[in-house]
Amino acid sequence: MKTGMIDASKIESMIAQLKAAATRPESALGPVQGEKAAARADFAGALKSALDQVNSAQTKSEDLAKRFVMGDDTINLSDVMINSQKANIAFQATIQVRNKLVSAYHDIMNMSV
């Protein structure tokens, strides 16, 4: 039976899968049917990737600003300002993440064992 765009048989199948997963012990849990196991996240790799993205945003912003100042007619002032603000926001977010990491490090170092 279909109601609108939702297929009731798919919902019932999903509920059955959830009930079966709930009755299994935790060690037997695997990926849900149709999904692949998530790759293990590497913190250093994720941090490097984020820093590279911020660097690329800043480089792109500087390049657009230089091209605009040199008289490139294909570059609008609005594009320069938008890219500059995007780079600034990304940099400020990076600083906030760094501050949180330093604070967490200090909290962990001050814990008594």
C-alpha atoms as a PDB file:
ATOM      1  CA  MET A   1       0.000   0.000   0.000  1.00  0.00           C
ATOM      2  CA  LYS A   2       1.398   3.387  -0.988  1.00  0.00           C
ATOM      3  CA  THR A   3       0.457   6.566   0.773  1.00  0.00           C
ATOM      4  CA  GLY A   4       1.717   9.558  -1.150  1.00  0.00           C
ATOM      5  CA  MET A   5       5.378   8.941  -1.922  1.00  0.00           C
ATOM      6  CA  ILE A   6       6.074   6.623   1.044  1.00  0.00           C
ATOM      7  CA  ASP A   7       6.076   2.891   0.449  1.00  0.00           C
ATOM      8  CA  ALA A   8       4.712   1.182   3.576  1.00  0.00           C
ATOM      9  CA  SER A   9       6.492  -2.096   2.789  1.00  0.00           C
ATOM     10  CA  LYS A  10       9.882  -0.325   2.881  1.00  0.00           C
ATOM     11  CA  ILE A  11       9.033   1.221   6.238  1.00  0.00           C
ATOM     12  CA  GLU A  12       7.977  -2.141   7.624  1.00  0.00           C
ATOM     13  CA  SER A  13      11.184  -3.694   6.318  1.00  0.00           C
ATOM     14  CA  MET A  14      13.253  -0.969   7.974  1.00  0.00           C
ATOM     15  CA  ILE A  15      11.407  -1.453  11.277  1.00  0.00           C
ATOM     16  CA  ALA A  16      12.085  -5.182  11.087  1.00  0.00           C
ATOM     17  CA  GLN A  17      15.790  -4.507  10.500  1.00  0.00           C
ATOM     18  CA  LEU A  18      15.893  -2.141  13.476  1.00  0.00           C
ATOM     19  CA  LYS A  19      14.175  -4.674  15.731  1.00  0.00           C
ATOM     20  CA  ALA A  20      16.594  -7.386  14.603  1.00  0.00           C
ATOM     21  CA  ALA A  21      19.558  -5.101  15.240  1.00  0.00           C
ATOM     22  CA  ALA A  22      18.231  -4.206  18.688  1.00  0.00           C
ATOM     23  CA  THR A  23      18.074  -7.873  19.723  1.00  0.00           C
ATOM     24  CA  ARG A  24      21.637  -8.642  18.563  1.00  0.00           C
ATOM     25  CA  PRO A  25      24.541  -8.213  20.970  1.00  0.00           C
ATOM     26  CA  GLU A  26      26.742  -5.174  20.268  1.00  0.00           C
ATOM     27  CA  SER A  27      29.682  -7.242  19.049  1.00  0.00           C
ATOM     28  CA  ALA A  28      27.541  -8.693  16.278  1.00  0.00           C
ATOM     29  CA  LEU A  29      26.469  -5.309  14.969  1.00  0.00           C
ATOM     30  CA  GLY A  30      27.717  -4.541  11.502  1.00  0.00           C
ATOM     31  CA  PRO A  31      26.804  -2.030   8.877  1.00  0.00           C
ATOM     32  CA  VAL A  32      23.113  -1.671   8.101  1.00  0.00           C
ATOM     33  CA  GLN A  33      22.053  -3.523   4.980  1.00  0.00           C
ATOM     34  CA  GLY A  34      22.884  -1.450   1.923  1.00  0.00           C
ATOM     35  CA  GLU A  35      25.498   0.684   3.691  1.00  0.00           C
ATOM     36  CA  LYS A  36      29.247   0.284   3.757  1.00  0.00           C
ATOM     37  CA  ALA A  37      31.246   0.529   6.955  1.00  0.00           C
ATOM     38  CA  ALA A  38      32.521   4.059   7.479  1.00  0.00           C
ATOM     39  CA  ALA A  39      36.237   4.511   7.006  1.00  0.00           C
ATOM     40  CA  ARG A  40      38.104   5.316  10.175  1.00  0.00           C
ATOM     41  CA  ALA A  41      38.656   9.040  10.455  1.00  0.00           C
ATOM     42  CA  ASP A  42      42.241  10.206  10.743  1.00  0.00           C
ATOM     43  CA  PHE A  43      42.352  13.340  12.902  1.00  0.00           C
ATOM     44  CA  ALA A  44      45.645  14.594  11.523  1.00  0.00           C
ATOM     45  CA  GLY A  45      44.460  14.073   7.948  1.00  0.00           C
ATOM     46  CA  ALA A  46      41.161  15.840   8.607  1.00  0.00           C
ATOM     47  CA  LEU A  47      42.952  18.753  10.262  1.00  0.00           C
ATOM     48  CA  LYS A  48      45.443  19.051   7.393  1.00  0.00           C
ATOM     49  CA  SER A  49      42.618  18.946   4.850  1.00  0.00           C
ATOM     50  CA  ALA A  50      40.736  21.708   6.682  1.00  0.00           C
ATOM     51  CA  LEU A  51      43.862  23.866   6.890  1.00  0.00           C
ATOM     52  CA  ASP A  52      44.531  23.307   3.192  1.00  0.00           C
ATOM     53  CA  GLN A  53      40.989  24.463   2.368  1.00  0.00           C
ATOM     54  CA  VAL A  54      41.463  27.635   4.429  1.00  0.00           C
ATOM     55  CA  ASN A  55      44.801  28.268   2.731  1.00  0.00           C
ATOM     56  CA  SER A  56      43.277  27.782  -0.704  1.00  0.00           C
ATOM     57  CA  ALA A  57      40.419  30.199   0.130  1.00  0.00           C
ATOM     58  CA  GLN A  58      42.931  32.822   1.240  1.00  0.00           C
ATOM     59  CA  THR A  59      45.098  32.298  -1.841  1.00  0.00           C
ATOM     60  CA  LYS A  60      42.082  32.582  -4.140  1.00  0.00           C
ATOM     61  CA  SER A  61      40.978  35.754  -2.358  1.00  0.00           C
ATOM     62  CA  GLU A  62      44.428  37.345  -2.694  1.00  0.00           C
ATOM     63  CA  ASP A  63      44.623  36.357  -6.367  1.00  0.00           C
ATOM     64  CA  LEU A  64      41.229  37.901  -7.152  1.00  0.00           C
ATOM     65  CA  ALA A  65      42.164  41.090  -5.281  1.00  0.00           C
ATOM     66  CA  LYS A  66      45.453  41.383  -7.199  1.00  0.00           C
ATOM     67  CA  ARG A  67      43.722  40.813 -10.525  1.00  0.00           C
ATOM     68  CA  PHE A  68      41.079  43.434  -9.684  1.00  0.00           C
ATOM     69  CA  VAL A  69      43.701  45.994  -8.650  1.00  0.00           C
ATOM     70  CA  MET A  70      45.688  45.335 -11.839  1.00  0.00           C
ATOM     71  CA  GLY A  71      42.604  46.237 -13.884  1.00  0.00           C
ATOM     72  CA  ASP A  72      41.231  42.831 -14.955  1.00  0.00           C
ATOM     73  CA  ASP A  73      37.772  43.627 -16.373  1.00  0.00           C
ATOM     74  CA  THR A  74      36.489  40.086 -15.799  1.00  0.00           C
ATOM     75  CA  ILE A  75      36.682  40.511 -12.010  1.00  0.00           C
ATOM     76  CA  ASN A  76      33.898  42.378 -10.178  1.00  0.00           C
ATOM     77  CA  LEU A  77      34.432  44.169  -6.898  1.00  0.00           C
ATOM     78  CA  SER A  78      31.594  42.140  -5.399  1.00  0.00           C
ATOM     79  CA  ASP A  79      33.415  38.891  -6.257  1.00  0.00           C
ATOM     80  CA  VAL A  80      36.567  40.205  -4.598  1.00  0.00           C
ATOM     81  CA  MET A  81      34.692  41.230  -1.452  1.00  0.00           C
ATOM     82  CA  ILE A  82      32.708  37.983  -1.213  1.00  0.00           C
ATOM     83  CA  ASN A  83      35.818  35.843  -1.583  1.00  0.00           C
ATOM     84  CA  SER A  84      37.647  38.012   0.925  1.00  0.00           C
ATOM     85  CA  GLN A  85      34.860  37.556   3.466  1.00  0.00           C
ATOM     86  CA  LYS A  86      34.728  33.792   2.841  1.00  0.00           C
ATOM     87  CA  ALA A  87      38.463  33.543   3.472  1.00  0.00           C
ATOM     88  CA  ASN A  88      38.151  35.686   6.593  1.00  0.00           C
ATOM     89  CA  ILE A  89      35.305  33.582   8.003  1.00  0.00           C
ATOM     90  CA  ALA A  90      37.205  30.356   7.298  1.00  0.00           C
ATOM     91  CA  PHE A  91      40.289  31.771   9.029  1.00  0.00           C
ATOM     92  CA  GLN A  92      38.296  32.937  12.068  1.00  0.00           C
ATOM     93  CA  ALA A  93      36.666  29.492  12.337  1.00  0.00           C
ATOM     94  CA  THR A  94      40.114  27.896  12.202  1.00  0.00           C
ATOM     95  CA  ILE A  95      41.305  30.154  15.017  1.00  0.00           C
ATOM     96  CA  GLN A  96      38.284  29.187  17.112  1.00  0.00           C
ATOM     97  CA  VAL A  97      38.957  25.478  16.549  1.00  0.00           C
ATOM     98  CA  ARG A  98      42.595  25.999  17.513  1.00  0.00           C
ATOM     99  CA  ASN A  99      41.551  27.799  20.690  1.00  0.00           C
ATOM    100  CA  LYS A 100      39.183  24.960  21.610  1.00  0.00           C
ATOM    101  CA  LEU A 101      41.911  22.375  20.997  1.00  0.00           C
ATOM    102  CA  VAL A 102      44.395  24.283  23.168  1.00  0.00           C
ATOM    103  CA  SER A 103      41.788  24.656  25.903  1.00  0.00           C
ATOM    104  CA  ALA A 104      40.982  20.926  25.769  1.00  0.00           C
ATOM    105  CA  TYR A 105      44.697  20.106  25.910  1.00  0.00           C
ATOM    106  CA  HIS A 106      45.147  22.284  29.001  1.00  0.00           C
ATOM    107  CA  ASP A 107      42.083  20.702  30.651  1.00  0.00           C
ATOM    108  CA  ILE A 108      43.449  17.209  30.020  1.00  0.00           C
ATOM    109  CA  MET A 109      46.918  18.133  31.269  1.00  0.00           C
ATOM    110  CA  ASN A 110      45.451  19.596  34.480  1.00  0.00           C
ATOM    111  CA  MET A 111      43.422  16.466  35.265  1.00  0.00           C
ATOM    112  CA  SER A 112      44.553  14.504  38.265  1.00  0.00           C
ATOM    113  CA  VAL A 113      45.190  10.850  37.586  1.00  0.00           C
END
